């Protein structure tokens, strides 16, 4: 089995390449999709994020825009999120 890691900046074609691999029958795991599931209403990450960043929880889900603003200029808050 060959394992490939696909990385790149925004707009570099990662999603397009992922779809192309999947269309050819490759098993694909997408970290962005996993985070969206964790942050969605009922997701496993909502409670943990909500404990440290309660303002980032909107309608039972993590609001990524709010969370981003909370950690953007706060190194300690970003370290907490990453932990």
N, C-alpha and C. Protein backbone atom coordinates (compact mmCIF):
# COMPACT_ATOMS: atom_id res chain seq x y z
N UNK A 1 0.85 -1.18 0.00
CA UNK A 1 0.00 0.00 0.00
C UNK A 1 0.89 1.24 0.00
N UNK A 2 0.52 2.19 -0.79
CA UNK A 2 1.23 3.46 -0.84
C UNK A 2 0.39 4.49 -0.08
N UNK A 3 1.04 5.26 0.79
CA UNK A 3 0.37 6.33 1.51
C UNK A 3 0.91 7.66 1.01
N UNK A 4 0.01 8.56 0.69
CA UNK A 4 0.37 9.89 0.17
C UNK A 4 -0.23 10.94 1.07
N UNK A 5 0.56 11.91 1.46
CA UNK A 5 0.06 13.07 2.19
C UNK A 5 -0.03 14.25 1.25
N UNK A 6 -1.19 14.87 1.19
CA UNK A 6 -1.41 15.99 0.28
C UNK A 6 -1.56 17.26 1.12
N UNK A 7 -0.64 18.18 0.94
CA UNK A 7 -0.68 19.44 1.69
C UNK A 7 -0.56 20.60 0.73
N UNK A 8 -0.87 21.78 1.24
CA UNK A 8 -0.73 22.99 0.43
C UNK A 8 -1.54 24.12 1.03
N UNK A 9 -1.32 25.26 0.51
CA UNK A 9 -1.99 26.46 0.98
C UNK A 9 -3.41 26.53 0.42
N UNK A 10 -4.13 27.54 0.84
CA UNK A 10 -5.49 27.76 0.35
C UNK A 10 -5.45 27.98 -1.16
N UNK A 11 -6.38 27.35 -1.86
CA UNK A 11 -6.50 27.55 -3.30
C UNK A 11 -5.47 26.81 -4.14
N UNK A 12 -4.82 25.82 -3.57
CA UNK A 12 -3.77 25.10 -4.29
C UNK A 12 -4.28 23.84 -5.00
N UNK A 13 -5.56 23.50 -4.83
CA UNK A 13 -6.12 22.36 -5.53
C UNK A 13 -6.18 21.07 -4.75
N UNK A 14 -6.04 21.16 -3.42
CA UNK A 14 -6.08 19.95 -2.60
C UNK A 14 -7.41 19.22 -2.73
N UNK A 15 -8.51 19.94 -2.67
CA UNK A 15 -9.83 19.31 -2.77
C UNK A 15 -10.02 18.67 -4.14
N UNK A 16 -9.57 19.34 -5.17
CA UNK A 16 -9.67 18.79 -6.53
C UNK A 16 -8.87 17.49 -6.64
N UNK A 17 -7.65 17.51 -6.14
CA UNK A 17 -6.82 16.31 -6.20
C UNK A 17 -7.40 15.18 -5.36
N UNK A 18 -7.96 15.54 -4.20
CA UNK A 18 -8.58 14.53 -3.35
C UNK A 18 -9.72 13.85 -4.09
N UNK A 19 -10.56 14.64 -4.76
CA UNK A 19 -11.67 14.06 -5.53
C UNK A 19 -11.14 13.17 -6.66
N UNK A 20 -10.06 13.62 -7.31
CA UNK A 20 -9.49 12.82 -8.40
C UNK A 20 -8.97 11.48 -7.88
N UNK A 21 -8.29 11.49 -6.74
CA UNK A 21 -7.82 10.24 -6.15
C UNK A 21 -9.01 9.33 -5.81
N UNK A 22 -10.03 9.91 -5.18
CA UNK A 22 -11.21 9.13 -4.80
C UNK A 22 -11.91 8.56 -6.04
N UNK A 23 -12.00 9.36 -7.09
CA UNK A 23 -12.63 8.89 -8.33
C UNK A 23 -11.89 7.70 -8.93
N UNK A 24 -10.61 7.61 -8.65
CA UNK A 24 -9.80 6.48 -9.15
C UNK A 24 -9.80 5.30 -8.18
N UNK A 25 -10.56 5.42 -7.09
CA UNK A 25 -10.71 4.31 -6.17
C UNK A 25 -9.80 4.34 -4.95
N UNK A 26 -9.04 5.41 -4.80
CA UNK A 26 -8.15 5.52 -3.64
C UNK A 26 -8.96 5.81 -2.38
N UNK A 27 -8.53 5.22 -1.27
CA UNK A 27 -9.13 5.55 0.02
C UNK A 27 -8.62 6.92 0.42
N UNK A 28 -9.52 7.78 0.82
CA UNK A 28 -9.15 9.17 1.13
C UNK A 28 -9.63 9.52 2.53
N UNK A 29 -8.76 10.13 3.33
CA UNK A 29 -9.14 10.70 4.62
C UNK A 29 -8.80 12.17 4.55
N UNK A 30 -9.78 13.02 4.81
CA UNK A 30 -9.61 14.46 4.68
C UNK A 30 -9.69 15.11 6.06
N UNK A 31 -8.61 15.73 6.49
CA UNK A 31 -8.55 16.36 7.81
C UNK A 31 -9.57 17.48 7.94
N UNK A 32 -9.78 18.26 6.89
CA UNK A 32 -10.76 19.34 6.95
C UNK A 32 -12.16 18.79 7.22
N UNK A 33 -12.51 17.72 6.54
CA UNK A 33 -13.83 17.11 6.76
C UNK A 33 -13.95 16.60 8.20
N UNK A 34 -12.88 16.01 8.71
CA UNK A 34 -12.89 15.49 10.08
C UNK A 34 -13.13 16.62 11.08
N UNK A 35 -12.46 17.75 10.89
CA UNK A 35 -12.64 18.89 11.81
C UNK A 35 -14.06 19.44 11.70
N UNK A 36 -14.59 19.52 10.50
CA UNK A 36 -15.98 19.98 10.35
C UNK A 36 -16.94 19.08 11.11
N UNK A 37 -16.71 17.76 11.08
CA UNK A 37 -17.57 16.84 11.85
C UNK A 37 -17.40 17.05 13.34
N UNK A 38 -16.17 17.24 13.81
CA UNK A 38 -15.92 17.46 15.23
C UNK A 38 -16.58 18.75 15.73
N UNK A 39 -16.60 19.78 14.89
CA UNK A 39 -17.12 21.09 15.27
C UNK A 39 -18.62 21.24 15.04
N UNK A 40 -19.24 20.31 14.33
CA UNK A 40 -20.67 20.40 14.02
C UNK A 40 -21.51 20.12 15.26
N UNK A 41 -22.77 20.51 15.21
CA UNK A 41 -23.70 20.24 16.30
C UNK A 41 -23.69 18.75 16.62
N UNK A 42 -23.44 18.43 17.90
CA UNK A 42 -23.34 17.04 18.32
C UNK A 42 -21.97 16.43 18.11
N UNK A 43 -21.05 17.21 17.54
CA UNK A 43 -19.70 16.70 17.28
C UNK A 43 -18.90 16.53 18.56
N UNK A 44 -17.94 15.63 18.50
CA UNK A 44 -17.16 15.27 19.68
C UNK A 44 -16.27 16.41 20.19
N UNK A 45 -16.01 17.41 19.38
CA UNK A 45 -15.15 18.51 19.81
C UNK A 45 -15.87 19.70 20.41
N UNK A 46 -17.18 19.74 20.28
CA UNK A 46 -17.94 20.93 20.71
C UNK A 46 -17.80 21.19 22.20
N UNK A 47 -17.97 20.17 23.02
CA UNK A 47 -17.91 20.37 24.47
C UNK A 47 -16.53 20.84 24.92
N UNK A 48 -15.49 20.22 24.38
CA UNK A 48 -14.12 20.60 24.77
C UNK A 48 -13.81 22.03 24.36
N UNK A 49 -14.20 22.42 23.17
CA UNK A 49 -13.98 23.80 22.72
C UNK A 49 -14.81 24.75 23.58
N UNK A 50 -16.05 24.35 23.86
CA UNK A 50 -16.94 25.19 24.64
C UNK A 50 -16.48 25.44 26.06
N UNK A 51 -15.75 24.48 26.65
CA UNK A 51 -15.23 24.68 28.01
C UNK A 51 -14.25 25.84 28.06
N UNK A 52 -13.40 25.92 27.07
CA UNK A 52 -12.36 26.97 27.07
C UNK A 52 -12.81 28.23 26.34
N UNK A 53 -13.66 28.05 25.30
CA UNK A 53 -14.09 29.17 24.46
C UNK A 53 -15.61 29.17 24.32
N UNK A 54 -16.34 29.43 25.39
CA UNK A 54 -17.81 29.33 25.34
C UNK A 54 -18.45 30.26 24.31
N UNK A 55 -17.82 31.40 24.03
CA UNK A 55 -18.39 32.32 23.04
C UNK A 55 -18.32 31.76 21.62
N UNK A 56 -17.50 30.74 21.41
CA UNK A 56 -17.36 30.16 20.07
C UNK A 56 -18.44 29.14 19.76
N UNK A 57 -19.29 28.84 20.74
CA UNK A 57 -20.36 27.88 20.51
C UNK A 57 -21.63 28.64 20.16
N UNK A 58 -22.13 28.40 18.96
CA UNK A 58 -23.33 29.06 18.45
C UNK A 58 -24.29 27.97 17.96
N UNK A 59 -25.48 27.95 18.52
CA UNK A 59 -26.48 26.95 18.15
C UNK A 59 -25.94 25.52 18.26
N UNK A 60 -25.16 25.27 19.29
CA UNK A 60 -24.68 23.93 19.56
C UNK A 60 -23.51 23.46 18.72
N UNK A 61 -22.92 24.36 17.94
CA UNK A 61 -21.78 24.00 17.11
C UNK A 61 -20.68 25.03 17.30
N UNK A 62 -19.47 24.67 16.93
CA UNK A 62 -18.35 25.62 17.00
C UNK A 62 -18.44 26.55 15.80
N UNK A 63 -18.50 27.84 16.07
CA UNK A 63 -18.47 28.83 15.00
C UNK A 63 -17.00 29.13 14.72
N UNK A 64 -16.49 28.65 13.60
CA UNK A 64 -15.07 28.75 13.29
C UNK A 64 -14.61 30.20 13.15
N UNK A 65 -15.46 31.07 12.65
CA UNK A 65 -15.10 32.49 12.54
C UNK A 65 -14.91 33.11 13.91
N UNK A 66 -15.82 32.82 14.83
CA UNK A 66 -15.72 33.34 16.19
C UNK A 66 -14.47 32.78 16.86
N UNK A 67 -14.27 31.47 16.75
CA UNK A 67 -13.11 30.84 17.36
C UNK A 67 -11.81 31.44 16.82
N UNK A 68 -11.76 31.66 15.55
CA UNK A 68 -10.57 32.27 14.94
C UNK A 68 -10.27 33.63 15.55
N UNK A 69 -11.29 34.44 15.70
CA UNK A 69 -11.10 35.78 16.28
C UNK A 69 -10.63 35.71 17.74
N UNK A 70 -11.07 34.66 18.45
CA UNK A 70 -10.69 34.52 19.85
C UNK A 70 -9.22 34.14 20.02
N UNK A 71 -8.66 33.45 19.06
CA UNK A 71 -7.29 32.97 19.21
C UNK A 71 -6.28 33.69 18.31
N UNK A 72 -6.77 34.50 17.37
CA UNK A 72 -5.90 35.10 16.36
C UNK A 72 -4.72 35.87 16.94
N UNK A 73 -4.97 36.73 17.89
CA UNK A 73 -3.91 37.58 18.45
C UNK A 73 -3.60 37.23 19.90
N UNK A 74 -3.90 36.00 20.29
CA UNK A 74 -3.70 35.58 21.68
C UNK A 74 -2.94 34.25 21.68
N UNK A 75 -1.63 34.33 21.85
CA UNK A 75 -0.79 33.13 21.77
C UNK A 75 -1.18 32.09 22.80
N UNK A 76 -1.55 32.51 24.00
CA UNK A 76 -1.94 31.57 25.05
C UNK A 76 -3.25 30.85 24.67
N UNK A 77 -4.21 31.60 24.13
CA UNK A 77 -5.47 31.00 23.72
C UNK A 77 -5.24 30.02 22.56
N UNK A 78 -4.38 30.38 21.63
CA UNK A 78 -4.07 29.48 20.51
C UNK A 78 -3.40 28.20 21.03
N UNK A 79 -2.50 28.34 21.98
CA UNK A 79 -1.84 27.17 22.57
C UNK A 79 -2.88 26.27 23.26
N UNK A 80 -3.85 26.88 23.95
CA UNK A 80 -4.91 26.10 24.58
C UNK A 80 -5.71 25.32 23.54
N UNK A 81 -6.06 25.99 22.44
CA UNK A 81 -6.82 25.35 21.37
C UNK A 81 -6.02 24.19 20.77
N UNK A 82 -4.77 24.41 20.51
CA UNK A 82 -3.94 23.37 19.91
C UNK A 82 -3.75 22.19 20.85
N UNK A 83 -3.75 22.45 22.14
CA UNK A 83 -3.59 21.37 23.13
C UNK A 83 -4.84 20.51 23.16
